Amino acid sequence: MWAVTITSNKTLSNKKRNLIVEYINSETHNVIKQKYFILHDVLEGRKYLEAIIEGNKLAVLNLLSILKANLPYRISYKKIY
């Protein structure tokens, strides 16, 4: 299990948070088998989103590269289980 955190310097509107969640969710359907992951939960704060996903490290790194290429926010990850 991994926690992928997306952080903004400014408050994220509900619309922006929903857009980010939809983007992550859509990636669960677009990846190949070696980079497959399951989105378990999304924790939301005023300036961040934390996606809890299950998958191997290759899947997490692939998701991070896609998010970094398409979102103007700070993105980090950590293994949680």
PDB file of N, CA and C in Angstrom:
ATOM      1  N   MET A   1       0.855  -1.172   0.000  1.00  0.00           N
ATOM      2  CA  MET A   1       0.000   0.000   0.000  1.00  0.00           C
ATOM      3  C   MET A   1       0.901   1.235   0.000  1.00  0.00           C
ATOM      4  N   TRP A   2       0.433   2.233  -0.701  1.00  0.00           N
ATOM      5  CA  TRP A   2       1.184   3.468  -0.860  1.00  0.00           C
ATOM      6  C   TRP A   2       0.264   4.663  -0.622  1.00  0.00           C
ATOM      7  N   ALA A   3       0.849   5.739  -0.136  1.00  0.00           N
ATOM      8  CA  ALA A   3       0.137   7.006  -0.013  1.00  0.00           C
ATOM      9  C   ALA A   3       0.779   7.972  -0.997  1.00  0.00           C
ATOM     10  N   VAL A   4       0.004   8.447  -1.952  1.00  0.00           N
ATOM     11  CA  VAL A   4       0.465   9.438  -2.917  1.00  0.00           C
ATOM     12  C   VAL A   4      -0.185  10.756  -2.522  1.00  0.00           C
ATOM     13  N   THR A   5       0.645  11.744  -2.189  1.00  0.00           N
ATOM     14  CA  THR A   5       0.155  13.023  -1.692  1.00  0.00           C
ATOM     15  C   THR A   5       0.352  14.112  -2.742  1.00  0.00           C
ATOM     16  N   ILE A   6      -0.704  14.843  -3.009  1.00  0.00           N
ATOM     17  CA  ILE A   6      -0.696  15.953  -3.953  1.00  0.00           C
ATOM     18  C   ILE A   6      -0.972  17.206  -3.132  1.00  0.00           C
ATOM     19  N   THR A   7      -0.008  18.133  -3.114  1.00  0.00           N
ATOM     20  CA  THR A   7      -0.088  19.300  -2.257  1.00  0.00           C
ATOM     21  C   THR A   7      -0.034  20.584  -3.081  1.00  0.00           C
ATOM     22  N   SER A   8      -0.870  21.543  -2.701  1.00  0.00           N
ATOM     23  CA  SER A   8      -0.912  22.847  -3.347  1.00  0.00           C
ATOM     24  C   SER A   8      -0.498  23.921  -2.348  1.00  0.00           C
ATOM     25  N   ASN A   9       0.073  24.999  -2.842  1.00  0.00           N
ATOM     26  CA  ASN A   9       0.400  26.135  -1.968  1.00  0.00           C
ATOM     27  C   ASN A   9      -0.848  26.923  -1.605  1.00  0.00           C
ATOM     28  N   LYS A  10      -1.879  26.805  -2.430  1.00  0.00           N
ATOM     29  CA  LYS A  10      -3.135  27.509  -2.203  1.00  0.00           C
ATOM     30  C   LYS A  10      -4.235  26.492  -1.890  1.00  0.00           C
ATOM     31  N   THR A  11      -5.324  26.962  -1.351  1.00  0.00           N
ATOM     32  CA  THR A  11      -6.468  26.102  -1.060  1.00  0.00           C
ATOM     33  C   THR A  11      -7.023  25.534  -2.359  1.00  0.00           C
ATOM     34  N   LEU A  12      -7.276  24.234  -2.354  1.00  0.00           N
ATOM     35  CA  LEU A  12      -7.863  23.567  -3.522  1.00  0.00           C
ATOM     36  C   LEU A  12      -9.383  23.652  -3.437  1.00  0.00           C
ATOM     37  N   SER A  13      -9.996  24.097  -4.494  1.00  0.00           N
ATOM     38  CA  SER A  13     -11.462  24.140  -4.522  1.00  0.00           C
ATOM     39  C   SER A  13     -12.006  22.720  -4.641  1.00  0.00           C
ATOM     40  N   ASN A  14     -13.271  22.552  -4.324  1.00  0.00           N
ATOM     41  CA  ASN A  14     -13.901  21.241  -4.472  1.00  0.00           C
ATOM     42  C   ASN A  14     -13.796  20.751  -5.911  1.00  0.00           C
ATOM     43  N   LYS A  15     -13.963  21.667  -6.849  1.00  0.00           N
ATOM     44  CA  LYS A  15     -13.881  21.317  -8.269  1.00  0.00           C
ATOM     45  C   LYS A  15     -12.500  20.777  -8.620  1.00  0.00           C
ATOM     46  N   LYS A  16     -11.442  21.431  -8.142  1.00  0.00           N
ATOM     47  CA  LYS A  16     -10.077  20.975  -8.432  1.00  0.00           C
ATOM     48  C   LYS A  16      -9.798  19.635  -7.759  1.00  0.00           C
ATOM     49  N   ARG A  17     -10.253  19.477  -6.511  1.00  0.00           N
ATOM     50  CA  ARG A  17     -10.037  18.198  -5.814  1.00  0.00           C
ATOM     51  C   ARG A  17     -10.752  17.070  -6.536  1.00  0.00           C
ATOM     52  N   ASN A  18     -11.993  17.313  -6.954  1.00  0.00           N
ATOM     53  CA  ASN A  18     -12.743  16.288  -7.689  1.00  0.00           C
ATOM     54  C   ASN A  18     -12.073  15.946  -9.011  1.00  0.00           C
ATOM     55  N   LEU A  19     -11.540  16.955  -9.689  1.00  0.00           N
ATOM     56  CA  LEU A  19     -10.847  16.730 -10.955  1.00  0.00           C
ATOM     57  C   LEU A  19      -9.610  15.856 -10.762  1.00  0.00           C
ATOM     58  N   ILE A  20      -8.845  16.105  -9.700  1.00  0.00           N
ATOM     59  CA  ILE A  20      -7.656  15.303  -9.413  1.00  0.00           C
ATOM     60  C   ILE A  20      -8.048  13.862  -9.105  1.00  0.00           C
ATOM     61  N   VAL A  21      -9.083  13.680  -8.300  1.00  0.00           N
ATOM     62  CA  VAL A  21      -9.549  12.328  -7.960  1.00  0.00           C
ATOM     63  C   VAL A  21     -10.008  11.591  -9.220  1.00  0.00           C
ATOM     64  N   GLU A  22     -10.749  12.264 -10.076  1.00  0.00           N
ATOM     65  CA  GLU A  22     -11.197  11.642 -11.324  1.00  0.00           C
ATOM     66  C   GLU A  22     -10.013  11.278 -12.214  1.00  0.00           C
ATOM     67  N   TYR A  23      -9.005  12.126 -12.224  1.00  0.00           N
ATOM     68  CA  TYR A  23      -7.809  11.859 -13.026  1.00  0.00           C
ATOM     69  C   TYR A  23      -7.099  10.605 -12.523  1.00  0.00           C
ATOM     70  N   ILE A  24      -6.905  10.493 -11.218  1.00  0.00           N
ATOM     71  CA  ILE A  24      -6.262   9.301 -10.642  1.00  0.00           C
ATOM     72  C   ILE A  24      -7.116   8.076 -10.917  1.00  0.00           C
ATOM     73  N   ASN A  25      -8.417   8.189 -10.708  1.00  0.00           N
ATOM     74  CA  ASN A  25      -9.317   7.062 -10.939  1.00  0.00           C
ATOM     75  C   ASN A  25      -9.279   6.605 -12.394  1.00  0.00           C
ATOM     76  N   SER A  26      -9.213   7.541 -13.328  1.00  0.00           N
ATOM     77  CA  SER A  26      -9.169   7.162 -14.745  1.00  0.00           C
ATOM     78  C   SER A  26      -7.874   6.437 -15.075  1.00  0.00           C
ATOM     79  N   GLU A  27      -6.788   6.781 -14.377  1.00  0.00           N
ATOM     80  CA  GLU A  27      -5.509   6.101 -14.628  1.00  0.00           C
ATOM     81  C   GLU A  27      -5.559   4.633 -14.199  1.00  0.00           C
ATOM     82  N   THR A  28      -6.435   4.292 -13.252  1.00  0.00           N
ATOM     83  CA  THR A  28      -6.536   2.887 -12.836  1.00  0.00           C
ATOM     84  C   THR A  28      -7.000   2.016 -13.995  1.00  0.00           C
ATOM     85  N   HIS A  29      -7.702   2.605 -14.951  1.00  0.00           N
ATOM     86  CA  HIS A  29      -8.229   1.855 -16.083  1.00  0.00           C
ATOM     87  C   HIS A  29      -7.332   1.913 -17.315  1.00  0.00           C
ATOM     88  N   ASN A  30      -6.358   2.823 -17.320  1.00  0.00           N
ATOM     89  CA  ASN A  30      -5.527   3.036 -18.504  1.00  0.00           C
ATOM     90  C   ASN A  30      -4.175   2.347 -18.471  1.00  0.00           C
ATOM     91  N   VAL A  31      -3.800   1.778 -17.346  1.00  0.00           N
ATOM     92  CA  VAL A  31      -2.445   1.227 -17.221  1.00  0.00           C
ATOM     93  C   VAL A  31      -2.383  -0.234 -17.645  1.00  0.00           C
ATOM     94  N   ILE A  32      -1.168  -0.653 -18.029  1.00  0.00           N
ATOM     95  CA  ILE A  32      -0.955  -2.050 -18.410  1.00  0.00           C
ATOM     96  C   ILE A  32      -0.792  -2.905 -17.154  1.00  0.00           C
ATOM     97  N   LYS A  33      -0.822  -4.200 -17.311  1.00  0.00           N
ATOM     98  CA  LYS A  33      -0.842  -5.126 -16.180  1.00  0.00           C
ATOM     99  C   LYS A  33       0.334  -4.924 -15.212  1.00  0.00           C
ATOM    100  N   GLN A  34       1.534  -4.678 -15.710  1.00  0.00           N
ATOM    101  CA  GLN A  34       2.705  -4.516 -14.838  1.00  0.00           C
ATOM    102  C   GLN A  34       2.620  -3.242 -13.995  1.00  0.00           C
ATOM    103  N   LYS A  35       1.819  -2.277 -14.420  1.00  0.00           N
ATOM    104  CA  LYS A  35       1.713  -1.008 -13.709  1.00  0.00           C
ATOM    105  C   LYS A  35       0.327  -0.824 -13.089  1.00  0.00           C
ATOM    106  N   TYR A  36      -0.388  -1.912 -12.909  1.00  0.00           N
ATOM    107  CA  TYR A  36      -1.757  -1.899 -12.389  1.00  0.00           C
ATOM    108  C   TYR A  36      -1.768  -1.512 -10.914  1.00  0.00           C
ATOM    109  N   PHE A  37      -2.742  -0.717 -10.514  1.00  0.00           N
ATOM    110  CA  PHE A  37      -2.933  -0.397  -9.104  1.00  0.00           C
ATOM    111  C   PHE A  37      -4.418  -0.258  -8.804  1.00  0.00           C
ATOM    112  N   ILE A  38      -4.744  -0.353  -7.516  1.00  0.00           N
ATOM    113  CA  ILE A  38      -6.121  -0.214  -7.045  1.00  0.00           C
ATOM    114  C   ILE A  38      -6.188   1.028  -6.165  1.00  0.00           C
ATOM    115  N   LEU A  39      -7.124   1.907  -6.462  1.00  0.00           N
ATOM    116  CA  LEU A  39      -7.351   3.089  -5.640  1.00  0.00           C
ATOM    117  C   LEU A  39      -8.292   2.696  -4.506  1.00  0.00           C
ATOM    118  N   HIS A  40      -7.794   2.752  -3.266  1.00  0.00           N
ATOM    119  CA  HIS A  40      -8.599   2.354  -2.114  1.00  0.00           C
ATOM    120  C   HIS A  40      -9.363   3.515  -1.489  1.00  0.00           C
ATOM    121  N   ASP A  41      -8.698   4.648  -1.342  1.00  0.00           N
ATOM    122  CA  ASP A  41      -9.337   5.763  -0.646  1.00  0.00           C
ATOM    123  C   ASP A  41      -8.624   7.056  -1.012  1.00  0.00           C
ATOM    124  N   VAL A  42      -9.307   8.158  -0.820  1.00  0.00           N
ATOM    125  CA  VAL A  42      -8.714   9.483  -1.017  1.00  0.00           C
ATOM    126  C   VAL A  42      -9.050  10.326   0.207  1.00  0.00           C
ATOM    127  N   LEU A  43      -8.023  10.821   0.860  1.00  0.00           N
ATOM    128  CA  LEU A  43      -8.176  11.709   2.005  1.00  0.00           C
ATOM    129  C   LEU A  43      -7.987  13.131   1.500  1.00  0.00           C
ATOM    130  N   GLU A  44      -8.891  14.009   1.862  1.00  0.00           N
ATOM    131  CA  GLU A  44      -8.858  15.372   1.345  1.00  0.00           C
ATOM    132  C   GLU A  44      -8.687  16.378   2.463  1.00  0.00           C
ATOM    133  N   GLY A  45      -7.842  17.361   2.201  1.00  0.00           N
ATOM    134  CA  GLY A  45      -7.672  18.506   3.086  1.00  0.00           C
ATOM    135  C   GLY A  45      -7.851  19.773   2.267  1.00  0.00           C
ATOM    136  N   ARG A  46      -7.670  20.908   2.888  1.00  0.00           N
ATOM    137  CA  ARG A  46      -7.849  22.167   2.161  1.00  0.00           C
ATOM    138  C   ARG A  46      -6.793  22.367   1.086  1.00  0.00           C
ATOM    139  N   LYS A  47      -5.552  21.925   1.369  1.00  0.00           N
ATOM    140  CA  LYS A  47      -4.455  22.152   0.427  1.00  0.00           C
ATOM    141  C   LYS A  47      -3.824  20.860  -0.086  1.00  0.00           C
ATOM    142  N   TYR A  48      -4.438  19.727   0.181  1.00  0.00           N
ATOM    143  CA  TYR A  48      -3.830  18.476  -0.263  1.00  0.00           C
ATOM    144  C   TYR A  48      -4.868  17.396  -0.526  1.00  0.00           C
ATOM    145  N   LEU A  49      -4.436  16.394  -1.244  1.00  0.00           N
ATOM    146  CA  LEU A  49      -5.167  15.144  -1.435  1.00  0.00           C
ATOM    147  C   LEU A  49      -4.180  14.016  -1.184  1.00  0.00           C
ATOM    148  N   GLU A  50      -4.613  12.966  -0.528  1.00  0.00           N
ATOM    149  CA  GLU A  50      -3.763  11.804  -0.327  1.00  0.00           C
ATOM    150  C   GLU A  50      -4.516  10.584  -0.833  1.00  0.00           C
ATOM    151  N   ALA A  51      -4.000   9.972  -1.879  1.00  0.00           N
ATOM    152  CA  ALA A  51      -4.608   8.778  -2.463  1.00  0.00           C
ATOM    153  C   ALA A  51      -3.938   7.548  -1.867  1.00  0.00           C
ATOM    154  N   ILE A  52      -4.734   6.637  -1.349  1.00  0.00           N
ATOM    155  CA  ILE A  52      -4.227   5.375  -0.814  1.00  0.00           C
ATOM    156  C   ILE A  52      -4.409   4.336  -1.913  1.00  0.00           C
ATOM    157  N   ILE A  53      -3.282   3.824  -2.420  1.00  0.00           N
ATOM    158  CA  ILE A  53      -3.357   2.871  -3.519  1.00  0.00           C
ATOM    159  C   ILE A  53      -2.619   1.589  -3.180  1.00  0.00           C
ATOM    160  N   GLU A  54      -3.011   0.522  -3.858  1.00  0.00           N
ATOM    161  CA  GLU A  54      -2.361  -0.778  -3.708  1.00  0.00           C
ATOM    162  C   GLU A  54      -1.775  -1.144  -5.057  1.00  0.00           C
ATOM    163  N   GLY A  55      -0.503  -1.502  -5.044  1.00  0.00           N
ATOM    164  CA  GLY A  55       0.178  -1.891  -6.268  1.00  0.00           C
ATOM    165  C   GLY A  55       1.669  -1.968  -6.008  1.00  0.00           C
ATOM    166  N   ASN A  56       2.419  -2.379  -7.020  1.00  0.00           N
ATOM    167  CA  ASN A  56       3.861  -2.462  -6.827  1.00  0.00           C
ATOM    168  C   ASN A  56       4.509  -1.097  -7.036  1.00  0.00           C
ATOM    169  N   LYS A  57       5.814  -1.014  -6.747  1.00  0.00           N
ATOM    170  CA  LYS A  57       6.500   0.269  -6.831  1.00  0.00           C
ATOM    171  C   LYS A  57       6.506   0.813  -8.260  1.00  0.00           C
ATOM    172  N   LEU A  58       6.598  -0.069  -9.246  1.00  0.00           N
ATOM    173  CA  LEU A  58       6.563   0.367 -10.639  1.00  0.00           C
ATOM    174  C   LEU A  58       5.249   1.082 -10.944  1.00  0.00           C
ATOM    175  N   ALA A  59       4.149   0.579 -10.403  1.00  0.00           N
ATOM    176  CA  ALA A  59       2.849   1.216 -10.602  1.00  0.00           C
ATOM    177  C   ALA A  59       2.815   2.608  -9.978  1.00  0.00           C
ATOM    178  N   VAL A  60       3.372   2.738  -8.790  1.00  0.00           N
ATOM    179  CA  VAL A  60       3.389   4.026  -8.099  1.00  0.00           C
ATOM    180  C   VAL A  60       4.252   5.032  -8.856  1.00  0.00           C
ATOM    181  N   LEU A  61       5.431   4.604  -9.285  1.00  0.00           N
ATOM    182  CA  LEU A  61       6.321   5.503 -10.018  1.00  0.00           C
ATOM    183  C   LEU A  61       5.703   5.933 -11.343  1.00  0.00           C
ATOM    184  N   ASN A  62       4.993   5.026 -11.994  1.00  0.00           N
ATOM    185  CA  ASN A  62       4.306   5.377 -13.235  1.00  0.00           C
ATOM    186  C   ASN A  62       3.215   6.413 -12.969  1.00  0.00           C
ATOM    187  N   LEU A  63       2.422   6.205 -11.923  1.00  0.00           N
ATOM    188  CA  LEU A  63       1.378   7.165 -11.565  1.00  0.00           C
ATOM    189  C   LEU A  63       1.993   8.521 -11.235  1.00  0.00           C
ATOM    190  N   LEU A  64       3.079   8.536 -10.482  1.00  0.00           N
ATOM    191  CA  LEU A  64       3.732   9.801 -10.142  1.00  0.00           C
ATOM    192  C   LEU A  64       4.214  10.536 -11.377  1.00  0.00           C
ATOM    193  N   SER A  65       4.803   9.837 -12.312  1.00  0.00           N
ATOM    194  CA  SER A  65       5.296  10.509 -13.521  1.00  0.00           C
ATOM    195  C   SER A  65       4.137  11.098 -14.329  1.00  0.00           C
ATOM    196  N   ILE A  66       3.021  10.396 -14.384  1.00  0.00           N
ATOM    197  CA  ILE A  66       1.851  10.901 -15.103  1.00  0.00           C
ATOM    198  C   ILE A  66       1.277  12.127 -14.398  1.00  0.00           C
ATOM    199  N   LEU A  67       1.164  12.057 -13.075  1.00  0.00           N
ATOM    200  CA  LEU A  67       0.623  13.189 -12.317  1.00  0.00           C
ATOM    201  C   LEU A  67       1.530  14.411 -12.418  1.00  0.00           C
ATOM    202  N   LYS A  68       2.848  14.195 -12.283  1.00  0.00           N
ATOM    203  CA  LYS A  68       3.789  15.312 -12.356  1.00  0.00           C
ATOM    204  C   LYS A  68       3.776  15.971 -13.728  1.00  0.00           C
ATOM    205  N   ALA A  69       3.547  15.197 -14.758  1.00  0.00           N
ATOM    206  CA  ALA A  69       3.513  15.743 -16.116  1.00  0.00           C
ATOM    207  C   ALA A  69       2.232  16.529 -16.388  1.00  0.00           C
ATOM    208  N   ASN A  70       1.181  16.257 -15.625  1.00  0.00           N
ATOM    209  CA  ASN A  70      -0.124  16.851 -15.935  1.00  0.00           C
ATOM    210  C   ASN A  70      -0.715  17.764 -14.864  1.00  0.00           C
ATOM    211  N   LEU A  71      -0.135  17.791 -13.683  1.00  0.00           N
ATOM    212  CA  LEU A  71      -0.688  18.614 -12.606  1.00  0.00           C
ATOM    213  C   LEU A  71       0.369  19.589 -12.079  1.00  0.00           C
ATOM    214  N   PRO A  72      -0.017  20.825 -11.786  1.00  0.00           N
ATOM    215  CA  PRO A  72       0.953  21.821 -11.323  1.00  0.00           C
ATOM    216  C   PRO A  72       1.144  21.834  -9.798  1.00  0.00           C
ATOM    217  N   TYR A  73       1.096  20.666  -9.169  1.00  0.00           N
ATOM    218  CA  TYR A  73       1.187  20.588  -7.715  1.00  0.00           C
ATOM    219  C   TYR A  73       2.396  19.756  -7.305  1.00  0.00           C
ATOM    220  N   ARG A  74       2.769  19.879  -6.038  1.00  0.00           N
ATOM    221  CA  ARG A  74       3.856  19.078  -5.472  1.00  0.00           C
ATOM    222  C   ARG A  74       3.305  17.673  -5.203  1.00  0.00           C
ATOM    223  N   ILE A  75       4.031  16.662  -5.650  1.00  0.00           N
ATOM    224  CA  ILE A  75       3.549  15.280  -5.538  1.00  0.00           C
ATOM    225  C   ILE A  75       4.637  14.440  -4.878  1.00  0.00           C
ATOM    226  N   SER A  76       4.231  13.664  -3.886  1.00  0.00           N
ATOM    227  CA  SER A  76       5.169  12.794  -3.174  1.00  0.00           C
ATOM    228  C   SER A  76       4.483  11.471  -2.876  1.00  0.00           C
ATOM    229  N   TYR A  77       5.280  10.495  -2.431  1.00  0.00           N
ATOM    230  CA  TYR A  77       4.708   9.195  -2.091  1.00  0.00           C
ATOM    231  C   TYR A  77       5.483   8.566  -0.949  1.00  0.00           C
ATOM    232  N   LYS A  78       4.835   7.626  -0.276  1.00  0.00           N
ATOM    233  CA  LYS A  78       5.509   6.840   0.760  1.00  0.00           C
ATOM    234  C   LYS A  78       4.802   5.497   0.882  1.00  0.00           C
ATOM    235  N   LYS A  79       5.562   4.494   1.248  1.00  0.00           N
ATOM    236  CA  LYS A  79       4.999   3.166   1.460  1.00  0.00           C
ATOM    237  C   LYS A  79       4.379   3.148   2.852  1.00  0.00           C
ATOM    238  N   ILE A  80       3.134   2.694   2.950  1.00  0.00           N
ATOM    239  CA  ILE A  80       2.457   2.695   4.246  1.00  0.00           C
ATOM    240  C   ILE A  80       2.156   1.303   4.769  1.00  0.00           C
ATOM    241  N   TYR A  81       2.297   0.271   3.903  1.00  0.00           N
ATOM    242  CA  TYR A  81       2.057  -1.091   4.371  1.00  0.00           C
ATOM    243  C   TYR A  81       2.742  -2.045   3.454  1.00  0.00           C
TER     244      TYR A  81
END
